C-alpha atoms as a PDB file:
ATOM      1  CA  MET A   1     -97.915  27.107  36.686  1.00  0.00           C
ATOM      2  CA  GLY A   2     -94.387  25.564  36.137  1.00  0.00           C
ATOM      3  CA  LEU A   3     -92.769  24.023  33.210  1.00  0.00           C
ATOM      4  CA  ASP A   4     -93.824  20.357  32.189  1.00  0.00           C
ATOM      5  CA  ILE A   5     -90.931  17.906  31.826  1.00  0.00           C
ATOM      6  CA  VAL A   6     -91.432  14.804  30.097  1.00  0.00           C
ATOM      7  CA  LEU A   7     -88.806  11.797  30.871  1.00  0.00           C
ATOM      8  CA  PHE A   8     -87.711   9.668  27.986  1.00  0.00           C
ATOM      9  CA  GLY A   9     -86.195   6.540  28.387  1.00  0.00           C
ATOM     10  CA  GLU A  10     -84.354   3.814  25.784  1.00  0.00           C
ATOM     11  CA  GLY A  11     -86.462   3.707  22.927  1.00  0.00           C
ATOM     12  CA  LYS A  12     -88.084   7.075  23.168  1.00  0.00           C
ATOM     13  CA  VAL A  13     -89.985   5.091  25.979  1.00  0.00           C
ATOM     14  CA  ARG A  14     -92.150   7.647  27.929  1.00  0.00           C
ATOM     15  CA  ILE A  15     -90.836   7.155  31.829  1.00  0.00           C
ATOM     16  CA  GLY A  16     -92.170  10.117  33.810  1.00  0.00           C
ATOM     17  CA  LEU A  17     -92.967  13.869  34.089  1.00  0.00           C
ATOM     18  CA  ILE A  18     -91.922  16.030  36.638  1.00  0.00           C
ATOM     19  CA  GLU A  19     -92.086  20.238  36.813  1.00  0.00           C
ATOM     20  CA  ILE A  20     -89.814  23.119  36.884  1.00  0.00           C
ATOM     21  CA  PRO A  21     -91.783  25.241  39.494  1.00  0.00           C
ATOM     22  CA  ASN A  22     -92.847  28.304  38.983  1.00  0.00           C
ATOM     23  CA  ASN A  23     -91.266  29.796  42.530  1.00  0.00           C
ATOM     24  CA  LEU A  24     -88.087  27.998  40.968  1.00  0.00           C
ATOM     25  CA  HIS A  25     -88.805  29.506  37.666  1.00  0.00           C
ATOM     26  CA  ASP A  26     -88.893  32.966  38.911  1.00  0.00           C
ATOM     27  CA  ALA A  27     -86.041  32.551  41.280  1.00  0.00           C
ATOM     28  CA  ILE A  28     -83.608  31.779  38.563  1.00  0.00           C
ATOM     29  CA  PHE A  29     -85.118  34.161  36.167  1.00  0.00           C
ATOM     30  CA  ALA A  30     -86.886  36.833  37.569  1.00  0.00           C
ATOM     31  CA  SER A  31     -84.380  37.099  40.493  1.00  0.00           C
ATOM     32  CA  THR A  32     -81.052  37.479  38.624  1.00  0.00           C
ATOM     33  CA  SER A  33     -79.530  38.238  35.260  1.00  0.00           C
ATOM     34  CA  ASN A  34     -76.728  35.455  35.904  1.00  0.00           C
ATOM     35  CA  TRP A  35     -78.953  32.901  33.689  1.00  0.00           C
ATOM     36  CA  SER A  36     -78.222  34.614  30.643  1.00  0.00           C
ATOM     37  CA  SER A  37     -74.661  33.280  30.685  1.00  0.00           C
ATOM     38  CA  TYR A  38     -75.989  29.923  30.095  1.00  0.00           C
ATOM     39  CA  SER A  39     -76.987  28.792  26.834  1.00  0.00           C
ATOM     40  CA  TYR A  40     -79.411  25.756  27.857  1.00  0.00           C
ATOM     41  CA  LEU A  41     -81.106  27.763  30.551  1.00  0.00           C
ATOM     42  CA  LYS A  42     -81.911  30.600  27.943  1.00  0.00           C
ATOM     43  CA  LYS A  43     -83.944  27.804  26.250  1.00  0.00           C
ATOM     44  CA  VAL A  44     -86.390  27.415  28.950  1.00  0.00           C
ATOM     45  CA  LYS A  45     -87.138  31.617  30.249  1.00  0.00           C
ATOM     46  CA  ASP A  46     -90.281  32.090  28.006  1.00  0.00           C
ATOM     47  CA  TYR A  47     -93.277  30.124  29.648  1.00  0.00           C
ATOM     48  CA  TYR A  48     -95.106  30.635  26.712  1.00  0.00           C
ATOM     49  CA  LYS A  49     -92.331  29.438  24.091  1.00  0.00           C
ATOM     50  CA  THR A  50     -90.401  27.015  25.383  1.00  0.00           C
ATOM     51  CA  ASN A  51     -91.057  23.719  23.554  1.00  0.00           C
ATOM     52  CA  ILE A  52     -87.882  21.922  23.295  1.00  0.00           C
ATOM     53  CA  TYR A  53     -86.207  18.370  22.888  1.00  0.00           C
ATOM     54  CA  LEU A  54     -82.744  17.629  24.557  1.00  0.00           C
ATOM     55  CA  ASN A  55     -81.050  14.627  23.680  1.00  0.00           C
ATOM     56  CA  LEU A  56     -78.922  12.955  26.177  1.00  0.00           C
ATOM     57  CA  TYR A  57     -75.747  14.827  25.674  1.00  0.00           C
ATOM     58  CA  GLU A  58     -77.994  18.125  25.662  1.00  0.00           C
ATOM     59  CA  LEU A  59     -79.821  17.011  29.060  1.00  0.00           C
ATOM     60  CA  SER A  60     -76.182  16.913  30.516  1.00  0.00           C
ATOM     61  CA  CYS A  61     -75.038  20.321  29.688  1.00  0.00           C
ATOM     62  CA  PHE A  62     -78.813  21.493  30.781  1.00  0.00           C
ATOM     63  CA  VAL A  63     -77.929  19.863  34.000  1.00  0.00           C
ATOM     64  CA  GLU A  64     -74.575  21.250  34.592  1.00  0.00           C
ATOM     65  CA  ASP A  65     -76.063  24.907  33.988  1.00  0.00           C
ATOM     66  CA  LEU A  66     -78.480  24.484  36.741  1.00  0.00           C
ATOM     67  CA  ARG A  67     -76.162  23.046  39.001  1.00  0.00           C
ATOM     68  CA  GLN A  68     -73.843  26.633  38.229  1.00  0.00           C
ATOM     69  CA  ILE A  69     -76.707  28.716  38.549  1.00  0.00           C
ATOM     70  CA  ARG A  70     -77.263  27.565  42.100  1.00  0.00           C
ATOM     71  CA  THR A  71     -75.178  29.989  43.349  1.00  0.00           C
ATOM     72  CA  PHE A  72     -76.667  32.809  42.146  1.00  0.00           C
ATOM     73  CA  ILE A  73     -80.229  32.145  43.257  1.00  0.00           C
ATOM     74  CA  ASP A  74     -82.009  32.551  47.133  1.00  0.00           C
ATOM     75  CA  CYS A  75     -80.623  29.637  48.911  1.00  0.00           C
ATOM     76  CA  MET A  76     -84.119  28.983  50.094  1.00  0.00           C
ATOM     77  CA  HIS A  77     -85.059  27.498  46.545  1.00  0.00           C
ATOM     78  CA  HIS A  78     -81.712  25.535  47.003  1.00  0.00           C
ATOM     79  CA  SER A  79     -83.569  22.263  47.972  1.00  0.00           C
ATOM     80  CA  SER A  80     -86.409  22.604  44.825  1.00  0.00           C
ATOM     81  CA  LEU A  81     -83.172  22.977  42.437  1.00  0.00           C
ATOM     82  CA  ASP A  82     -81.450  19.969  43.972  1.00  0.00           C
ATOM     83  CA  ARG A  83     -84.283  17.609  43.559  1.00  0.00           C
ATOM     84  CA  LEU A  84     -84.759  18.699  40.391  1.00  0.00           C
ATOM     85  CA  ILE A  85     -80.868  18.190  39.334  1.00  0.00           C
ATOM     86  CA  GLN A  86     -81.500  14.516  40.844  1.00  0.00           C
ATOM     87  CA  ALA A  87     -84.394  13.492  39.082  1.00  0.00           C
ATOM     88  CA  LEU A  88     -82.573  14.578  35.459  1.00  0.00           C
ATOM     89  CA  SER A  89     -79.555  13.112  36.606  1.00  0.00           C
ATOM     90  CA  SER A  90     -81.228   9.595  36.436  1.00  0.00           C
ATOM     91  CA  ALA A  91     -79.169   7.068  34.104  1.00  0.00           C
ATOM     92  CA  ASN A  92     -82.558   5.834  33.096  1.00  0.00           C
ATOM     93  CA  ILE A  93     -83.164   8.951  31.433  1.00  0.00           C
ATOM     94  CA  LYS A  94     -82.257   9.093  27.718  1.00  0.00           C
ATOM     95  CA  ALA A  95     -84.012  12.358  26.462  1.00  0.00           C
ATOM     96  CA  ILE A  96     -86.374  14.918  27.790  1.00  0.00           C
ATOM     97  CA  HIS A  97     -89.125  17.449  26.017  1.00  0.00           C
ATOM     98  CA  ILE A  98     -90.088  20.580  28.271  1.00  0.00           C
ATOM     99  CA  ALA A  99     -93.071  22.279  27.395  1.00  0.00           C
ATOM    100  CA  GLY A 100     -94.446  25.933  28.456  1.00  0.00           C
ATOM    101  CA  ASP A 101     -97.982  27.127  29.007  1.00  0.00           C
END
């Protein structure tokens, strides 16, 4: 089971739900130690402790961390990461909540 991401639009209205799939999470955190250099990626490392809200500014920082970590993960996960980045980059999204198990 992956990390759930609740997407919020204007006025904190819930507009969707996406997931960081387990295999992508493992590719980022288990296959490399480079994630430790990215402050927003650190916040989602632990499945059982992750419970964070990111405003629009923090969301853009998180997306930038995801873009940068792409270089360090196996290319078989690039399409999954690209889909996540694209989904989180929507202009309609104003905040997110990421929750683990």
